[in-house]
C-alpha atoms as a PDB file:
ATOM      1  CA  MET A   1    -111.253-135.694  86.025  1.00  0.00           C
ATOM      2  CA  ALA A   2    -108.522-136.882  88.403  1.00  0.00           C
ATOM      3  CA  LYS A   3    -106.598-140.094  87.861  1.00  0.00           C
ATOM      4  CA  LEU A   4    -104.039-142.241  89.675  1.00  0.00           C
ATOM      5  CA  THR A   5    -100.830-143.286  87.939  1.00  0.00           C
ATOM      6  CA  SER A   6     -98.151-145.494  89.443  1.00  0.00           C
ATOM      7  CA  LEU A   7     -94.843-144.069  88.230  1.00  0.00           C
ATOM      8  CA  TYR A   8     -92.960-147.041  89.675  1.00  0.00           C
ATOM      9  CA  SER A   9     -93.530-149.382  92.585  1.00  0.00           C
ATOM     10  CA  GLY A  10     -91.519-152.144  94.203  1.00  0.00           C
ATOM     11  CA  SER A  11     -88.655-153.040  96.486  1.00  0.00           C
ATOM     12  CA  LYS A  12     -86.280-150.422  95.060  1.00  0.00           C
ATOM     13  CA  CYS A  13     -88.304-147.227  94.529  1.00  0.00           C
ATOM     14  CA  ASN A  14     -91.862-145.956  94.799  1.00  0.00           C
ATOM     15  CA  ALA A  15     -93.791-142.939  93.537  1.00  0.00           C
ATOM     16  CA  THR A  16     -97.454-142.435  92.629  1.00  0.00           C
ATOM     17  CA  TYR A  17     -99.073-139.450  90.936  1.00  0.00           C
ATOM     18  CA  ILE A  18    -102.675-138.438  91.583  1.00  0.00           C
ATOM     19  CA  GLY A  19    -104.000-135.409  89.757  1.00  0.00           C
ATOM     20  CA  GLY A  20    -106.257-133.732  87.268  1.00  0.00           C
ATOM     21  CA  SER A  21    -106.946-130.341  85.722  1.00  0.00           C
ATOM     22  CA  SER A  22    -106.104-128.498  88.960  1.00  0.00           C
ATOM     23  CA  GLY A  23    -102.652-130.063  89.229  1.00  0.00           C
ATOM     24  CA  GLY A  24    -101.616-133.054  91.240  1.00  0.00           C
ATOM     25  CA  ILE A  25     -99.636-134.562  94.072  1.00  0.00           C
ATOM     26  CA  LEU A  26     -97.054-137.274  94.543  1.00  0.00           C
ATOM     27  CA  ILE A  27     -97.398-140.034  97.087  1.00  0.00           C
ATOM     28  CA  ASP A  28     -93.729-140.736  97.912  1.00  0.00           C
ATOM     29  CA  ALA A  29     -90.659-139.759  95.918  1.00  0.00           C
ATOM     30  CA  GLY A  30     -88.349-142.734  95.553  1.00  0.00           C
ATOM     31  CA  GLY A  31     -85.693-143.308  92.927  1.00  0.00           C
ATOM     32  CA  SER A  32     -83.568-140.417  91.693  1.00  0.00           C
ATOM     33  CA  ALA A  33     -84.820-136.922  90.949  1.00  0.00           C
ATOM     34  CA  LYS A  34     -83.989-137.491  87.261  1.00  0.00           C
ATOM     35  CA  GLN A  35     -85.940-140.757  87.223  1.00  0.00           C
ATOM     36  CA  LEU A  36     -88.910-139.095  88.917  1.00  0.00           C
ATOM     37  CA  THR A  37     -88.841-136.115  86.564  1.00  0.00           C
ATOM     38  CA  ASN A  38     -88.632-138.355  83.503  1.00  0.00           C
ATOM     39  CA  ALA A  39     -91.508-140.502  84.755  1.00  0.00           C
ATOM     40  CA  LEU A  40     -93.700-137.422  85.194  1.00  0.00           C
ATOM     41  CA  HIS A  41     -92.810-136.137  81.727  1.00  0.00           C
ATOM     42  CA  HIS A  42     -93.641-139.592  80.341  1.00  0.00           C
ATOM     43  CA  ILE A  43     -97.262-139.240  81.551  1.00  0.00           C
ATOM     44  CA  GLY A  44     -97.471-135.633  80.337  1.00  0.00           C
ATOM     45  CA  VAL A  45     -97.077-133.926  83.722  1.00  0.00           C
ATOM     46  CA  ASP A  46     -94.860-130.891  84.208  1.00  0.00           C
ATOM     47  CA  PRO A  47     -92.976-131.467  87.499  1.00  0.00           C
ATOM     48  CA  ARG A  48     -93.577-127.801  88.336  1.00  0.00           C
ATOM     49  CA  ARG A  49     -97.307-128.579  88.503  1.00  0.00           C
ATOM     50  CA  VAL A  50     -96.825-131.069  91.324  1.00  0.00           C
ATOM     51  CA  GLY A  51     -98.369-129.206  94.239  1.00  0.00           C
ATOM     52  CA  ALA A  52     -96.992-131.359  97.056  1.00  0.00           C
ATOM     53  CA  VAL A  53     -95.291-134.598  97.998  1.00  0.00           C
ATOM     54  CA  PHE A  54     -97.040-136.717 100.631  1.00  0.00           C
ATOM     55  CA  LEU A  55     -94.774-139.271 102.307  1.00  0.00           C
ATOM     56  CA  THR A  56     -96.018-142.590 103.614  1.00  0.00           C
ATOM     57  CA  HIS A  57     -92.831-143.120 105.646  1.00  0.00           C
ATOM     58  CA  GLU A  58     -89.111-142.416 105.708  1.00  0.00           C
ATOM     59  CA  HIS A  59     -87.580-145.570 104.174  1.00  0.00           C
ATOM     60  CA  THR A  60     -85.113-144.896 101.362  1.00  0.00           C
ATOM     61  CA  ASP A  61     -87.185-146.485  98.578  1.00  0.00           C
ATOM     62  CA  HIS A  62     -89.859-143.848  99.240  1.00  0.00           C
ATOM     63  CA  ILE A  63     -87.728-140.709  99.750  1.00  0.00           C
ATOM     64  CA  ALA A  64     -84.498-140.975  97.724  1.00  0.00           C
ATOM     65  CA  ALA A  65     -85.515-138.314  95.158  1.00  0.00           C
ATOM     66  CA  LEU A  66     -87.111-135.984  97.692  1.00  0.00           C
ATOM     67  CA  ARG A  67     -84.340-133.506  98.479  1.00  0.00           C
ATOM     68  CA  VAL A  68     -83.197-132.803  94.920  1.00  0.00           C
ATOM     69  CA  PHE A  69     -86.688-132.846  93.394  1.00  0.00           C
ATOM     70  CA  CYS A  70     -88.318-130.597  95.994  1.00  0.00           C
ATOM     71  CA  ARG A  71     -85.472-128.067  95.997  1.00  0.00           C
ATOM     72  CA  ALA A  72     -85.521-127.907  92.198  1.00  0.00           C
ATOM     73  CA  HIS A  73     -89.261-127.236  91.996  1.00  0.00           C
ATOM     74  CA  GLY A  74     -90.073-125.672  95.362  1.00  0.00           C
ATOM     75  CA  THR A  75     -92.433-128.550  96.158  1.00  0.00           C
ATOM     76  CA  PRO A  76     -93.682-128.735  99.766  1.00  0.00           C
ATOM     77  CA  VAL A  77     -93.589-131.996 101.701  1.00  0.00           C
ATOM     78  CA  PHE A  78     -96.368-133.321 103.944  1.00  0.00           C
ATOM     79  CA  ALA A  79     -96.134-136.272 106.319  1.00  0.00           C
ATOM     80  CA  THR A  80     -96.941-137.345 109.849  1.00  0.00           C
ATOM     81  CA  ALA A  81     -94.991-135.773 112.700  1.00  0.00           C
ATOM     82  CA  GLY A  82     -93.072-138.977 113.329  1.00  0.00           C
ATOM     83  CA  THR A  83     -92.099-139.362 109.690  1.00  0.00           C
ATOM     84  CA  LEU A  84     -90.874-135.768 109.463  1.00  0.00           C
ATOM     85  CA  ARG A  85     -88.749-136.184 112.589  1.00  0.00           C
ATOM     86  CA  ALA A  86     -87.210-139.390 111.250  1.00  0.00           C
ATOM     87  CA  LEU A  87     -86.748-137.816 107.818  1.00  0.00           C
ATOM     88  CA  ALA A  88     -84.848-134.860 109.271  1.00  0.00           C
ATOM     89  CA  GLU A  89     -82.307-137.295 110.726  1.00  0.00           C
ATOM     90  CA  ARG A  90     -81.646-138.773 107.284  1.00  0.00           C
ATOM     91  CA  VAL A  91     -82.077-135.932 104.775  1.00  0.00           C
ATOM     92  CA  ASP A  92     -80.895-132.328 104.666  1.00  0.00           C
ATOM     93  CA  LEU A  93     -84.232-130.503 104.470  1.00  0.00           C
ATOM     94  CA  THR A  94     -82.736-126.999 104.280  1.00  0.00           C
ATOM     95  CA  GLY A  95     -84.823-124.895 101.884  1.00  0.00           C
ATOM     96  CA  ILE A  96     -87.681-127.411 101.748  1.00  0.00           C
ATOM     97  CA  HIS A  97     -91.059-126.531 103.254  1.00  0.00           C
ATOM     98  CA  THR A  98     -92.286-129.394 105.425  1.00  0.00           C
ATOM     99  CA  GLU A  99     -95.618-129.623 107.187  1.00  0.00           C
ATOM    100  CA  ILE A 100     -97.467-132.165 109.320  1.00  0.00           C
ATOM    101  CA  VAL A 101    -100.560-133.387 107.518  1.00  0.00           C
ATOM    102  CA  PRO A 102    -103.537-132.463 109.744  1.00  0.00           C
ATOM    103  CA  ASP A 103    -105.829-135.113 111.174  1.00  0.00           C
ATOM    104  CA  ASN A 104    -108.762-133.617 109.269  1.00  0.00           C
ATOM    105  CA  GLY A 105    -106.816-133.616 106.002  1.00  0.00           C
ATOM    106  CA  ILE A 106    -105.471-130.891 103.767  1.00  0.00           C
ATOM    107  CA  ALA A 107    -106.934-129.430 100.580  1.00  0.00           C
ATOM    108  CA  THR A 108    -104.563-128.911  97.665  1.00  0.00           C
ATOM    109  CA  CYS A 109    -104.604-129.318  93.884  1.00  0.00           C
ATOM    110  CA  GLY A 110    -108.372-129.748  93.851  1.00  0.00           C
ATOM    111  CA  MET A 111    -108.265-132.668  96.294  1.00  0.00           C
ATOM    112  CA  LEU A 112    -108.729-133.347  99.985  1.00  0.00           C
ATOM    113  CA  ILE A 113    -105.977-135.648 101.245  1.00  0.00           C
ATOM    114  CA  LYS A 114    -106.309-137.554 104.515  1.00  0.00           C
ATOM    115  CA  HIS A 115    -103.882-139.947 106.165  1.00  0.00           C
ATOM    116  CA  HIS A 116    -104.546-143.173 108.054  1.00  0.00           C
ATOM    117  CA  ALA A 117    -102.183-145.050 110.350  1.00  0.00           C
ATOM    118  CA  ILE A 118    -100.651-148.320 109.157  1.00  0.00           C
ATOM    119  CA  SER A 119     -98.377-150.949 110.693  1.00  0.00           C
ATOM    120  CA  HIS A 120     -94.786-150.928 109.412  1.00  0.00           C
ATOM    121  CA  ASP A 121     -91.355-150.888 111.035  1.00  0.00           C
ATOM    122  CA  CYS A 122     -90.709-147.156 110.922  1.00  0.00           C
ATOM    123  CA  ALA A 123     -91.533-143.993 112.853  1.00  0.00           C
ATOM    124  CA  GLU A 124     -95.165-143.130 112.036  1.00  0.00           C
ATOM    125  CA  PRO A 125     -96.210-144.593 108.667  1.00  0.00           C
ATOM    126  CA  CYS A 126     -99.524-143.936 106.966  1.00  0.00           C
ATOM    127  CA  ALA A 127    -101.715-144.619 103.962  1.00  0.00           C
ATOM    128  CA  TYR A 128    -103.510-141.840 102.081  1.00  0.00           C
ATOM    129  CA  VAL A 129    -107.041-141.365 100.792  1.00  0.00           C
ATOM    130  CA  CYS A 130    -107.601-138.514  98.328  1.00  0.00           C
ATOM    131  CA  GLU A 131    -111.008-137.123  97.364  1.00  0.00           C
ATOM    132  CA  ALA A 132    -111.144-135.212  94.073  1.00  0.00           C
ATOM    133  CA  GLU A 133    -113.410-132.268  93.279  1.00  0.00           C
ATOM    134  CA  ASP A 134    -115.935-134.527  91.568  1.00  0.00           C
ATOM    135  CA  GLY A 135    -116.098-136.804  94.611  1.00  0.00           C
ATOM    136  CA  GLU A 136    -114.020-139.651  93.180  1.00  0.00           C
ATOM    137  CA  THR A 137    -111.714-141.208  95.761  1.00  0.00           C
ATOM    138  CA  PHE A 138    -108.218-142.677  95.486  1.00  0.00           C
ATOM    139  CA  ALA A 139    -106.360-144.696  98.113  1.00  0.00           C
ATOM    140  CA  VAL A 140    -102.668-145.623  98.322  1.00  0.00           C
ATOM    141  CA  ALA A 141    -101.854-148.239 100.964  1.00  0.00           C
ATOM    142  CA  THR A 142     -98.495-150.032 100.813  1.00  0.00           C
ATOM    143  CA  ASP A 143     -95.842-151.230 103.277  1.00  0.00           C
ATOM    144  CA  LEU A 144     -98.479-152.840 105.474  1.00  0.00           C
ATOM    145  CA  GLY A 145     -97.747-155.411 108.107  1.00  0.00           C
ATOM    146  CA  TYR A 146    -101.453-156.197 108.124  1.00  0.00           C
ATOM    147  CA  LEU A 147    -104.810-154.611 107.322  1.00  0.00           C
ATOM    148  CA  SER A 148    -106.094-153.175 110.590  1.00  0.00           C
ATOM    149  CA  ASP A 149    -109.818-152.645 111.142  1.00  0.00           C
ATOM    150  CA  ASP A 150    -109.325-148.867 111.032  1.00  0.00           C
ATOM    151  CA  LEU A 151    -107.458-149.038 107.738  1.00  0.00           C
ATOM    152  CA  GLN A 152    -110.015-151.371 106.203  1.00  0.00           C
ATOM    153  CA  ASN A 153    -112.775-148.934 107.152  1.00  0.00           C
ATOM    154  CA  ALA A 154    -110.812-146.079 105.571  1.00  0.00           C
ATOM    155  CA  LEU A 155    -110.367-147.976 102.282  1.00  0.00           C
ATOM    156  CA  LEU A 156    -113.873-149.408 102.004  1.00  0.00           C
ATOM    157  CA  GLY A 157    -115.929-147.250  99.678  1.00  0.00           C
ATOM    158  CA  CYS A 158    -112.952-145.817  97.764  1.00  0.00           C
ATOM    159  CA  ASP A 159    -113.383-145.837  93.977  1.00  0.00           C
ATOM    160  CA  ASN A 160    -109.717-146.555  93.222  1.00  0.00           C
ATOM    161  CA  VAL A 161    -107.397-148.528  95.513  1.00  0.00           C
ATOM    162  CA  MET A 162    -103.679-149.178  95.246  1.00  0.00           C
ATOM    163  CA  LEU A 163    -102.923-151.978  97.700  1.00  0.00           C
ATOM    164  CA  GLU A 164     -99.720-153.776  98.557  1.00  0.00           C
ATOM    165  CA  SER A 165     -99.304-157.337  97.279  1.00  0.00           C
ATOM    166  CA  ASN A 166     -95.696-157.718  98.293  1.00  0.00           C
ATOM    167  CA  HIS A 167     -94.756-161.373  98.540  1.00  0.00           C
ATOM    168  CA  GLU A 168     -95.559-165.048  98.360  1.00  0.00           C
ATOM    169  CA  PRO A 169     -94.785-166.431 101.859  1.00  0.00           C
ATOM    170  CA  ARG A 170     -93.361-169.735 100.578  1.00  0.00           C
ATOM    171  CA  LEU A 171     -90.852-167.811  98.442  1.00  0.00           C
ATOM    172  CA  VAL A 172     -89.822-165.760 101.461  1.00  0.00           C
ATOM    173  CA  GLN A 173     -89.222-168.947 103.426  1.00  0.00           C
ATOM    174  CA  LEU A 174     -87.155-170.445 100.595  1.00  0.00           C
ATOM    175  CA  CYS A 175     -85.049-167.384  99.757  1.00  0.00           C
ATOM    176  CA  ASP A 176     -81.439-167.033 100.931  1.00  0.00           C
ATOM    177  CA  ARG A 177     -82.007-163.913 103.047  1.00  0.00           C
ATOM    178  CA  PRO A 178     -81.126-163.956 106.765  1.00  0.00           C
ATOM    179  CA  TYR A 179     -83.782-165.306 109.114  1.00  0.00           C
ATOM    180  CA  ALA A 180     -84.249-161.881 110.731  1.00  0.00           C
ATOM    181  CA  ILE A 181     -85.161-160.353 107.367  1.00  0.00           C
ATOM    182  CA  LYS A 182     -87.617-163.152 106.607  1.00  0.00           C
ATOM    183  CA  ARG A 183     -89.235-162.702 110.012  1.00  0.00           C
ATOM    184  CA  ARG A 184     -89.517-158.952 109.428  1.00  0.00           C
ATOM    185  CA  ILE A 185     -91.195-159.357 106.027  1.00  0.00           C
ATOM    186  CA  LEU A 186     -93.739-161.832 107.370  1.00  0.00           C
ATOM    187  CA  SER A 187     -94.460-159.943 110.608  1.00  0.00           C
ATOM    188  CA  ASP A 188     -97.296-157.567 111.470  1.00  0.00           C
ATOM    189  CA  SER A 189     -94.878-154.671 110.908  1.00  0.00           C
ATOM    190  CA  GLY A 190     -93.553-155.986 107.598  1.00  0.00           C
ATOM    191  CA  HIS A 191     -95.338-156.366 104.266  1.00  0.00           C
ATOM    192  CA  LEU A 192     -98.696-157.615 103.001  1.00  0.00           C
ATOM    193  CA  SER A 193     -98.725-160.979 101.218  1.00  0.00           C
ATOM    194  CA  ASN A 194    -100.510-161.807  97.974  1.00  0.00           C
ATOM    195  CA  ALA A 195    -103.111-163.835  99.874  1.00  0.00           C
ATOM    196  CA  ALA A 196    -103.816-161.115 102.453  1.00  0.00           C
ATOM    197  CA  CYS A 197    -104.221-158.543  99.694  1.00  0.00           C
ATOM    198  CA  ALA A 198    -106.439-160.817  97.595  1.00  0.00           C
ATOM    199  CA  GLU A 199    -108.686-161.674 100.544  1.00  0.00           C
ATOM    200  CA  PHE A 200    -109.580-157.990 100.984  1.00  0.00           C
ATOM    201  CA  LEU A 201    -110.324-157.216  97.330  1.00  0.00           C
ATOM    202  CA  PRO A 202    -113.866-158.712  97.220  1.00  0.00           C
ATOM    203  CA  LYS A 203    -114.794-156.646 100.280  1.00  0.00           C
ATOM    204  CA  LEU A 204    -113.588-153.511  98.494  1.00  0.00           C
ATOM    205  CA  LEU A 205    -115.484-154.496  95.357  1.00  0.00           C
ATOM    206  CA  GLN A 206    -118.698-154.977  97.299  1.00  0.00           C
ATOM    207  CA  ARG A 207    -118.340-151.443  98.671  1.00  0.00           C
ATOM    208  CA  GLY A 208    -117.838-149.851  95.269  1.00  0.00           C
ATOM    209  CA  THR A 209    -114.159-150.069  94.346  1.00  0.00           C
ATOM    210  CA  ALA A 210    -113.923-150.420  90.571  1.00  0.00           C
ATOM    211  CA  ARG A 211    -110.170-150.144  89.924  1.00  0.00           C
ATOM    212  CA  PHE A 212    -107.390-151.987  91.737  1.00  0.00           C
ATOM    213  CA  TRP A 213    -103.611-151.661  91.536  1.00  0.00           C
ATOM    214  CA  LEU A 214    -101.385-154.340  93.096  1.00  0.00           C
ATOM    215  CA  ALA A 215     -98.331-152.518  94.379  1.00  0.00           C
ATOM    216  CA  HIS A 216     -94.920-152.817  96.045  1.00  0.00           C
ATOM    217  CA  LEU A 217     -94.190-156.301  94.684  1.00  0.00           C
ATOM    218  CA  SER A 218     -90.984-157.855  95.969  1.00  0.00           C
ATOM    219  CA  ARG A 219     -88.419-158.371  93.242  1.00  0.00           C
ATOM    220  CA  ASP A 220     -87.120-161.560  94.895  1.00  0.00           C
ATOM    221  CA  ASN A 221     -90.164-163.078  96.600  1.00  0.00           C
ATOM    222  CA  ASN A 222     -92.968-162.436  94.109  1.00  0.00           C
ATOM    223  CA  THR A 223     -93.821-162.137  90.444  1.00  0.00           C
ATOM    224  CA  PRO A 224     -96.530-160.118  88.669  1.00  0.00           C
ATOM    225  CA  ASP A 225     -98.156-163.369  87.534  1.00  0.00           C
ATOM    226  CA  LEU A 226     -98.354-164.727  91.079  1.00  0.00           C
ATOM    227  CA  ALA A 227     -99.838-161.504  92.480  1.00  0.00           C
ATOM    228  CA  LEU A 228    -102.285-161.121  89.615  1.00  0.00           C
ATOM    229  CA  GLY A 229    -103.326-164.752  89.717  1.00  0.00           C
ATOM    230  CA  CYS A 230    -104.036-164.676  93.445  1.00  0.00           C
ATOM    231  CA  ALA A 231    -106.059-161.461  93.198  1.00  0.00           C
ATOM    232  CA  THR A 232    -107.992-162.595  90.132  1.00  0.00           C
ATOM    233  CA  ALA A 233    -108.892-165.907  91.744  1.00  0.00           C
ATOM    234  CA  ALA A 234    -110.306-164.171  94.817  1.00  0.00           C
ATOM    235  CA  LEU A 235    -112.397-161.783  92.728  1.00  0.00           C
ATOM    236  CA  GLN A 236    -113.659-164.542  90.436  1.00  0.00           C
ATOM    237  CA  GLU A 237    -114.612-166.676  93.426  1.00  0.00           C
ATOM    238  CA  ALA A 238    -116.714-163.719  94.590  1.00  0.00           C
ATOM    239  CA  GLY A 239    -118.515-163.771  91.227  1.00  0.00           C
ATOM    240  CA  ALA A 240    -116.843-160.676  89.782  1.00  0.00           C
ATOM    241  CA  ARG A 241    -116.005-160.368  86.089  1.00  0.00           C
ATOM    242  CA  ALA A 242    -112.762-158.773  84.953  1.00  0.00           C
ATOM    243  CA  GLY A 243    -113.251-155.789  82.667  1.00  0.00           C
ATOM    244  CA  ILE A 244    -116.933-155.597  83.572  1.00  0.00           C
ATOM    245  CA  ASP A 245    -117.158-155.415  87.352  1.00  0.00           C
ATOM    246  CA  TYR A 246    -113.598-154.280  87.997  1.00  0.00           C
ATOM    247  CA  GLU A 247    -110.241-153.340  86.478  1.00  0.00           C
ATOM    248  CA  LEU A 248    -107.055-154.856  87.903  1.00  0.00           C
ATOM    249  CA  ALA A 249    -103.431-154.027  87.170  1.00  0.00           C
ATOM    250  CA  VAL A 250    -100.007-154.770  88.611  1.00  0.00           C
ATOM    251  CA  CYS A 251     -97.748-151.765  89.197  1.00  0.00           C
ATOM    252  CA  ALA A 252     -94.443-152.062  87.357  1.00  0.00           C
ATOM    253  CA  GLN A 253     -91.129-152.035  89.174  1.00  0.00           C
END
């Protein structure tokens, strides 16, 4: 049986493992190669059994471990064409097999992985939906300016959903960052707020999602309690019972 494990998630580094008896994949490879390797060992996964790395986009917090990790283990890298072009301008990819993820998805490690376009300020970002051999589905959707209709349709019906709950808008407005950074975070090509994430959770629940992960929390403009409280309130208002109708967790930084 496949499972999703957030290795770490937040403003500084991001990596998620999805896998089962046939091996597994990584969604993003942030942090250092040592940090990523240790995190995999911590959940009982041999890094050599990681069949591929799928990149959501080319920002540093999602790719910092990529070059060293993939060279060490011969791990191939999949991403959109735009992401791979942007990545090649930032990282020496010599000796690393890279491939554009096809529109109809790619089968590896006992899963079918498909990508879906998202809005973020980079080349060609995407979310991923993975279907395991037993039919269970897993979605990873972070770094979202907003939830487009197409993305919502892709996520609805997934059994397990990791969704960005990045910030509390009032904390963004009050923080001491430059105005341009605040505007970026709050824009349609920035990050998803706690409220925007929470508003979508009941819709996911109604379509069969049983497990939620709140991901990519800002270290400065959010707290786990704020994100969890907002999400829980939305689900409770919809009549859902924690631990009975759904499971909800916040991904650790």
